[in-house]
Amino acid sequence: MEDILVLLLRLLGVIAQGVFYFVMEFLIKGPGYLIHRLFAGKHADPEGLFAFVFGILFWVVVGFVCYFVYKAFLS
């Protein structure tokens, strides 16, 4: 019984790691790298801090735009 619990926890850990990797690489660093490349050209680093910061800012702006569009048209 203990072995099954250990296997389940390891499986959940692998799934959580995969979800975290997907969110970080594709949803945050992806748009951040594209935005950073607009300003830095070919010198943009896809693994750099600026890609991460621009990715977070991108999703914050998307959230605000969605909120204000919702408030303007649907309420």
PDB file of N, CA and C in Angstrom:
ATOM      1  N   MET A   1       0.818  -1.190   0.000  1.00  0.00           N
ATOM      2  CA  MET A   1       0.000   0.000   0.000  1.00  0.00           C
ATOM      3  C   MET A   1       0.866   1.259   0.000  1.00  0.00           C
ATOM      4  N   GLU A   2       1.938   1.207   0.746  1.00  0.00           N
ATOM      5  CA  GLU A   2       2.841   2.349   0.820  1.00  0.00           C
ATOM      6  C   GLU A   2       3.513   2.600  -0.521  1.00  0.00           C
ATOM      7  N   ASP A   3       3.830   1.531  -1.252  1.00  0.00           N
ATOM      8  CA  ASP A   3       4.464   1.667  -2.559  1.00  0.00           C
ATOM      9  C   ASP A   3       3.535   2.330  -3.567  1.00  0.00           C
ATOM     10  N   ILE A   4       2.260   2.033  -3.495  1.00  0.00           N
ATOM     11  CA  ILE A   4       1.295   2.640  -4.408  1.00  0.00           C
ATOM     12  C   ILE A   4       1.193   4.136  -4.134  1.00  0.00           C
ATOM     13  N   LEU A   5       1.197   4.520  -2.863  1.00  0.00           N
ATOM     14  CA  LEU A   5       1.125   5.925  -2.493  1.00  0.00           C
ATOM     15  C   LEU A   5       2.360   6.672  -2.996  1.00  0.00           C
ATOM     16  N   VAL A   6       3.527   6.061  -2.874  1.00  0.00           N
ATOM     17  CA  VAL A   6       4.761   6.682  -3.353  1.00  0.00           C
ATOM     18  C   VAL A   6       4.696   6.853  -4.866  1.00  0.00           C
ATOM     19  N   LEU A   7       4.214   5.848  -5.584  1.00  0.00           N
ATOM     20  CA  LEU A   7       4.090   5.954  -7.031  1.00  0.00           C
ATOM     21  C   LEU A   7       3.107   7.047  -7.436  1.00  0.00           C
ATOM     22  N   LEU A   8       1.979   7.139  -6.734  1.00  0.00           N
ATOM     23  CA  LEU A   8       1.007   8.179  -7.037  1.00  0.00           C
ATOM     24  C   LEU A   8       1.574   9.574  -6.790  1.00  0.00           C
ATOM     25  N   LEU A   9       2.307   9.739  -5.709  1.00  0.00           N
ATOM     26  CA  LEU A   9       2.905  11.038  -5.418  1.00  0.00           C
ATOM     27  C   LEU A   9       3.973  11.392  -6.445  1.00  0.00           C
ATOM     28  N   ARG A  10       4.760  10.422  -6.885  1.00  0.00           N
ATOM     29  CA  ARG A  10       5.751  10.676  -7.930  1.00  0.00           C
ATOM     30  C   ARG A  10       5.067  11.045  -9.240  1.00  0.00           C
ATOM     31  N   LEU A  11       3.968  10.360  -9.557  1.00  0.00           N
ATOM     32  CA  LEU A  11       3.225  10.666 -10.774  1.00  0.00           C
ATOM     33  C   LEU A  11       2.659  12.085 -10.712  1.00  0.00           C
ATOM     34  N   LEU A  12       2.100  12.462  -9.583  1.00  0.00           N
ATOM     35  CA  LEU A  12       1.597  13.818  -9.419  1.00  0.00           C
ATOM     36  C   LEU A  12       2.719  14.850  -9.518  1.00  0.00           C
ATOM     37  N   GLY A  13       3.887  14.517  -9.007  1.00  0.00           N
ATOM     38  CA  GLY A  13       5.039  15.407  -9.109  1.00  0.00           C
ATOM     39  C   GLY A  13       5.476  15.596 -10.551  1.00  0.00           C
ATOM     40  N   VAL A  14       5.499  14.520 -11.326  1.00  0.00           N
ATOM     41  CA  VAL A  14       5.881  14.609 -12.736  1.00  0.00           C
ATOM     42  C   VAL A  14       4.853  15.424 -13.511  1.00  0.00           C
ATOM     43  N   ILE A  15       3.577  15.224 -13.230  1.00  0.00           N
ATOM     44  CA  ILE A  15       2.525  15.989 -13.901  1.00  0.00           C
ATOM     45  C   ILE A  15       2.629  17.471 -13.532  1.00  0.00           C
ATOM     46  N   ALA A  16       2.839  17.772 -12.269  1.00  0.00           N
ATOM     47  CA  ALA A  16       2.971  19.161 -11.832  1.00  0.00           C
ATOM     48  C   ALA A  16       4.191  19.817 -12.466  1.00  0.00           C
ATOM     49  N   GLN A  17       5.289  19.078 -12.579  1.00  0.00           N
ATOM     50  CA  GLN A  17       6.486  19.611 -13.207  1.00  0.00           C
ATOM     51  C   GLN A  17       6.237  19.897 -14.683  1.00  0.00           C
ATOM     52  N   GLY A  18       5.509  19.031 -15.369  1.00  0.00           N
ATOM     53  CA  GLY A  18       5.184  19.247 -16.767  1.00  0.00           C
ATOM     54  C   GLY A  18       4.295  20.455 -16.970  1.00  0.00           C
ATOM     55  N   VAL A  19       3.309  20.625 -16.102  1.00  0.00           N
ATOM     56  CA  VAL A  19       2.422  21.790 -16.199  1.00  0.00           C
ATOM     57  C   VAL A  19       3.214  23.065 -15.934  1.00  0.00           C
ATOM     58  N   PHE A  20       4.069  23.055 -14.932  1.00  0.00           N
ATOM     59  CA  PHE A  20       4.893  24.219 -14.615  1.00  0.00           C
ATOM     60  C   PHE A  20       5.803  24.567 -15.786  1.00  0.00           C
ATOM     61  N   TYR A  21       6.417  23.560 -16.405  1.00  0.00           N
ATOM     62  CA  TYR A  21       7.300  23.787 -17.552  1.00  0.00           C
ATOM     63  C   TYR A  21       6.512  24.403 -18.711  1.00  0.00           C
ATOM     64  N   PHE A  22       5.311  23.869 -18.988  1.00  0.00           N
ATOM     65  CA  PHE A  22       4.485  24.393 -20.071  1.00  0.00           C
ATOM     66  C   PHE A  22       4.125  25.852 -19.821  1.00  0.00           C
ATOM     67  N   VAL A  23       3.709  26.168 -18.606  1.00  0.00           N
ATOM     68  CA  VAL A  23       3.315  27.537 -18.284  1.00  0.00           C
ATOM     69  C   VAL A  23       4.506  28.473 -18.414  1.00  0.00           C
ATOM     70  N   MET A  24       5.642  28.089 -17.872  1.00  0.00           N
ATOM     71  CA  MET A  24       6.813  28.959 -17.905  1.00  0.00           C
ATOM     72  C   MET A  24       7.344  29.152 -19.317  1.00  0.00           C
ATOM     73  N   GLU A  25       7.505  28.078 -20.055  1.00  0.00           N
ATOM     74  CA  GLU A  25       8.153  28.164 -21.361  1.00  0.00           C
ATOM     75  C   GLU A  25       7.250  28.734 -22.440  1.00  0.00           C
ATOM     76  N   PHE A  26       6.003  28.311 -22.502  1.00  0.00           N
ATOM     77  CA  PHE A  26       5.151  28.676 -23.623  1.00  0.00           C
ATOM     78  C   PHE A  26       4.214  29.840 -23.314  1.00  0.00           C
ATOM     79  N   LEU A  27       3.697  29.921 -22.118  1.00  0.00           N
ATOM     80  CA  LEU A  27       2.730  30.964 -21.819  1.00  0.00           C
ATOM     81  C   LEU A  27       3.363  32.238 -21.274  1.00  0.00           C
ATOM     82  N   ILE A  28       4.529  32.143 -20.649  1.00  0.00           N
ATOM     83  CA  ILE A  28       5.165  33.342 -20.105  1.00  0.00           C
ATOM     84  C   ILE A  28       6.384  33.744 -20.943  1.00  0.00           C
ATOM     85  N   LYS A  29       7.332  32.843 -21.110  1.00  0.00           N
ATOM     86  CA  LYS A  29       8.546  33.211 -21.829  1.00  0.00           C
ATOM     87  C   LYS A  29       8.331  33.369 -23.333  1.00  0.00           C
ATOM     88  N   GLY A  30       7.353  32.669 -23.892  1.00  0.00           N
ATOM     89  CA  GLY A  30       7.099  32.774 -25.330  1.00  0.00           C
ATOM     90  C   GLY A  30       6.687  34.175 -25.747  1.00  0.00           C
ATOM     91  N   PRO A  31       5.575  34.689 -25.210  1.00  0.00           N
ATOM     92  CA  PRO A  31       5.196  36.064 -25.561  1.00  0.00           C
ATOM     93  C   PRO A  31       6.223  37.097 -25.094  1.00  0.00           C
ATOM     94  N   GLY A  32       6.856  36.835 -23.957  1.00  0.00           N
ATOM     95  CA  GLY A  32       7.875  37.766 -23.462  1.00  0.00           C
ATOM     96  C   GLY A  32       9.053  37.866 -24.399  1.00  0.00           C
ATOM     97  N   TYR A  33       9.486  36.736 -24.946  1.00  0.00           N
ATOM     98  CA  TYR A  33      10.594  36.749 -25.904  1.00  0.00           C
ATOM     99  C   TYR A  33      10.203  37.488 -27.172  1.00  0.00           C
ATOM    100  N   LEU A  34       8.990  37.277 -27.659  1.00  0.00           N
ATOM    101  CA  LEU A  34       8.552  37.968 -28.870  1.00  0.00           C
ATOM    102  C   LEU A  34       8.492  39.476 -28.664  1.00  0.00           C
ATOM    103  N   ILE A  35       7.999  39.910 -27.516  1.00  0.00           N
ATOM    104  CA  ILE A  35       7.950  41.343 -27.227  1.00  0.00           C
ATOM    105  C   ILE A  35       9.359  41.897 -27.056  1.00  0.00           C
ATOM    106  N   HIS A  36      10.205  41.182 -26.357  1.00  0.00           N
ATOM    107  CA  HIS A  36      11.584  41.638 -26.153  1.00  0.00           C
ATOM    108  C   HIS A  36      12.328  41.712 -27.476  1.00  0.00           C
ATOM    109  N   ARG A  37      12.023  40.802 -28.370  1.00  0.00           N
ATOM    110  CA  ARG A  37      12.697  40.805 -29.673  1.00  0.00           C
ATOM    111  C   ARG A  37      12.294  42.026 -30.500  1.00  0.00           C
ATOM    112  N   LEU A  38      11.094  42.550 -30.285  1.00  0.00           N
ATOM    113  CA  LEU A  38      10.702  43.788 -30.963  1.00  0.00           C
ATOM    114  C   LEU A  38      11.621  44.942 -30.590  1.00  0.00           C
ATOM    115  N   PHE A  39      12.071  44.983 -29.336  1.00  0.00           N
ATOM    116  CA  PHE A  39      12.903  46.079 -28.863  1.00  0.00           C
ATOM    117  C   PHE A  39      14.396  45.801 -29.013  1.00  0.00           C
ATOM    118  N   ALA A  40      14.833  44.575 -28.816  1.00  0.00           N
ATOM    119  CA  ALA A  40      16.257  44.264 -28.799  1.00  0.00           C
ATOM    120  C   ALA A  40      16.754  43.654 -30.103  1.00  0.00           C
ATOM    121  N   GLY A  41      15.864  43.295 -31.001  1.00  0.00           N
ATOM    122  CA  GLY A  41      16.284  42.689 -32.256  1.00  0.00           C
ATOM    123  C   GLY A  41      16.795  41.280 -32.027  1.00  0.00           C
ATOM    124  N   LYS A  42      17.868  40.951 -32.726  1.00  0.00           N
ATOM    125  CA  LYS A  42      18.416  39.596 -32.631  1.00  0.00           C
ATOM    126  C   LYS A  42      19.190  39.356 -31.344  1.00  0.00           C
ATOM    127  N   HIS A  43      19.352  40.377 -30.535  1.00  0.00           N
ATOM    128  CA  HIS A  43      20.102  40.234 -29.285  1.00  0.00           C
ATOM    129  C   HIS A  43      19.230  39.760 -28.125  1.00  0.00           C
ATOM    130  N   ALA A  44      17.958  39.518 -28.375  1.00  0.00           N
ATOM    131  CA  ALA A  44      17.051  39.065 -27.320  1.00  0.00           C
ATOM    132  C   ALA A  44      17.386  37.629 -26.929  1.00  0.00           C
ATOM    133  N   ASP A  45      17.346  37.376 -25.633  1.00  0.00           N
ATOM    134  CA  ASP A  45      17.630  36.049 -25.095  1.00  0.00           C
ATOM    135  C   ASP A  45      16.318  35.387 -24.674  1.00  0.00           C
ATOM    136  N   PRO A  46      15.962  34.244 -25.287  1.00  0.00           N
ATOM    137  CA  PRO A  46      14.693  33.600 -24.913  1.00  0.00           C
ATOM    138  C   PRO A  46      14.678  33.065 -23.483  1.00  0.00           C
ATOM    139  N   GLU A  47      15.827  32.878 -22.878  1.00  0.00           N
ATOM    140  CA  GLU A  47      15.898  32.378 -21.501  1.00  0.00           C
ATOM    141  C   GLU A  47      16.225  33.473 -20.502  1.00  0.00           C
ATOM    142  N   GLY A  48      16.234  34.718 -20.956  1.00  0.00           N
ATOM    143  CA  GLY A  48      16.656  35.815 -20.100  1.00  0.00           C
ATOM    144  C   GLY A  48      15.563  36.352 -19.196  1.00  0.00           C
ATOM    145  N   LEU A  49      15.982  37.233 -18.319  1.00  0.00           N
ATOM    146  CA  LEU A  49      15.076  37.851 -17.367  1.00  0.00           C
ATOM    147  C   LEU A  49      14.068  38.753 -18.069  1.00  0.00           C
ATOM    148  N   PHE A  50      14.509  39.456 -19.114  1.00  0.00           N
ATOM    149  CA  PHE A  50      13.592  40.348 -19.818  1.00  0.00           C
ATOM    150  C   PHE A  50      12.451  39.580 -20.470  1.00  0.00           C
ATOM    151  N   ALA A  51      12.727  38.395 -20.993  1.00  0.00           N
ATOM    152  CA  ALA A  51      11.664  37.585 -21.583  1.00  0.00           C
ATOM    153  C   ALA A  51      10.632  37.219 -20.517  1.00  0.00           C
ATOM    154  N   PHE A  52      11.077  36.893 -19.342  1.00  0.00           N
ATOM    155  CA  PHE A  52      10.169  36.554 -18.243  1.00  0.00           C
ATOM    156  C   PHE A  52       9.351  37.766 -17.811  1.00  0.00           C
ATOM    157  N   VAL A  53      10.009  38.909 -17.633  1.00  0.00           N
ATOM    158  CA  VAL A  53       9.322  40.118 -17.176  1.00  0.00           C
ATOM    159  C   VAL A  53       8.308  40.580 -18.220  1.00  0.00           C
ATOM    160  N   PHE A  54       8.710  40.611 -19.499  1.00  0.00           N
ATOM    161  CA  PHE A  54       7.774  41.017 -20.543  1.00  0.00           C
ATOM    162  C   PHE A  54       6.620  40.028 -20.674  1.00  0.00           C
ATOM    163  N   GLY A  55       6.872  38.754 -20.426  1.00  0.00           N
ATOM    164  CA  GLY A  55       5.803  37.767 -20.460  1.00  0.00           C
ATOM    165  C   GLY A  55       4.783  37.988 -19.361  1.00  0.00           C
ATOM    166  N   ILE A  56       5.258  38.278 -18.158  1.00  0.00           N
ATOM    167  CA  ILE A  56       4.346  38.575 -17.045  1.00  0.00           C
ATOM    168  C   ILE A  56       3.557  39.848 -17.344  1.00  0.00           C
ATOM    169  N   LEU A  57       4.250  40.887 -17.831  1.00  0.00           N
ATOM    170  CA  LEU A  57       3.563  42.134 -18.156  1.00  0.00           C
ATOM    171  C   LEU A  57       2.532  41.931 -19.269  1.00  0.00           C
ATOM    172  N   PHE A  58       2.835  41.082 -20.233  1.00  0.00           N
ATOM    173  CA  PHE A  58       1.896  40.783 -21.306  1.00  0.00           C
ATOM    174  C   PHE A  58       0.600  40.226 -20.742  1.00  0.00           C
ATOM    175  N   TRP A  59       0.696  39.252 -19.831  1.00  0.00           N
ATOM    176  CA  TRP A  59      -0.518  38.647 -19.278  1.00  0.00           C
ATOM    177  C   TRP A  59      -1.254  39.600 -18.342  1.00  0.00           C
ATOM    178  N   VAL A  60      -0.544  40.493 -17.669  1.00  0.00           N
ATOM    179  CA  VAL A  60      -1.207  41.506 -16.844  1.00  0.00           C
ATOM    180  C   VAL A  60      -2.015  42.450 -17.737  1.00  0.00           C
ATOM    181  N   VAL A  61      -1.423  42.881 -18.847  1.00  0.00           N
ATOM    182  CA  VAL A  61      -2.122  43.766 -19.780  1.00  0.00           C
ATOM    183  C   VAL A  61      -3.316  43.046 -20.392  1.00  0.00           C
ATOM    184  N   VAL A  62      -3.150  41.788 -20.785  1.00  0.00           N
ATOM    185  CA  VAL A  62      -4.269  41.013 -21.337  1.00  0.00           C
ATOM    186  C   VAL A  62      -5.398  40.917 -20.311  1.00  0.00           C
ATOM    187  N   GLY A  63      -5.055  40.685 -19.065  1.00  0.00           N
ATOM    188  CA  GLY A  63      -6.069  40.601 -18.010  1.00  0.00           C
ATOM    189  C   GLY A  63      -6.828  41.909 -17.838  1.00  0.00           C
ATOM    190  N   PHE A  64      -6.090  43.039 -17.813  1.00  0.00           N
ATOM    191  CA  PHE A  64      -6.745  44.334 -17.679  1.00  0.00           C
ATOM    192  C   PHE A  64      -7.638  44.638 -18.873  1.00  0.00           C
ATOM    193  N   VAL A  65      -7.166  44.356 -20.070  1.00  0.00           N
ATOM    194  CA  VAL A  65      -7.971  44.604 -21.268  1.00  0.00           C
ATOM    195  C   VAL A  65      -9.243  43.766 -21.237  1.00  0.00           C
ATOM    196  N   CYS A  66      -9.113  42.503 -20.895  1.00  0.00           N
ATOM    197  CA  CYS A  66     -10.301  41.642 -20.811  1.00  0.00           C
ATOM    198  C   CYS A  66     -11.281  42.155 -19.761  1.00  0.00           C
ATOM    199  N   TYR A  67     -10.780  42.587 -18.630  1.00  0.00           N
ATOM    200  CA  TYR A  67     -11.641  43.103 -17.573  1.00  0.00           C
ATOM    201  C   TYR A  67     -12.396  44.344 -18.034  1.00  0.00           C
ATOM    202  N   PHE A  68     -11.674  45.290 -18.647  1.00  0.00           N
ATOM    203  CA  PHE A  68     -12.321  46.534 -19.056  1.00  0.00           C
ATOM    204  C   PHE A  68     -13.271  46.320 -20.225  1.00  0.00           C
ATOM    205  N   VAL A  69     -12.968  45.423 -21.123  1.00  0.00           N
ATOM    206  CA  VAL A  69     -13.896  45.098 -22.214  1.00  0.00           C
ATOM    207  C   VAL A  69     -15.149  44.468 -21.636  1.00  0.00           C
ATOM    208  N   TYR A  70     -14.991  43.576 -20.696  1.00  0.00           N
ATOM    209  CA  TYR A  70     -16.146  42.955 -20.030  1.00  0.00           C
ATOM    210  C   TYR A  70     -17.007  44.002 -19.345  1.00  0.00           C
ATOM    211  N   LYS A  71     -16.364  44.898 -18.609  1.00  0.00           N
ATOM    212  CA  LYS A  71     -17.119  45.936 -17.885  1.00  0.00           C
ATOM    213  C   LYS A  71     -17.801  46.891 -18.854  1.00  0.00           C
ATOM    214  N   ALA A  72     -17.176  47.191 -19.981  1.00  0.00           N
ATOM    215  CA  ALA A  72     -17.733  48.169 -20.910  1.00  0.00           C
ATOM    216  C   ALA A  72     -18.914  47.604 -21.701  1.00  0.00           C
ATOM    217  N   PHE A  73     -18.844  46.348 -22.100  1.00  0.00           N
ATOM    218  CA  PHE A  73     -19.835  45.810 -23.007  1.00  0.00           C
ATOM    219  C   PHE A  73     -20.846  44.856 -22.368  1.00  0.00           C
ATOM    220  N   LEU A  74     -20.488  44.239 -21.269  1.00  0.00           N
ATOM    221  CA  LEU A  74     -21.364  43.200 -20.736  1.00  0.00           C
ATOM    222  C   LEU A  74     -21.958  43.528 -19.364  1.00  0.00           C
ATOM    223  N   SER A  75     -21.686  44.695 -18.846  1.00  0.00           N
ATOM    224  CA  SER A  75     -22.336  44.996 -17.561  1.00  0.00           C
ATOM    225  C   SER A  75     -23.012  46.333 -17.583  1.00  0.00           C
TER     226      SER A  75
END
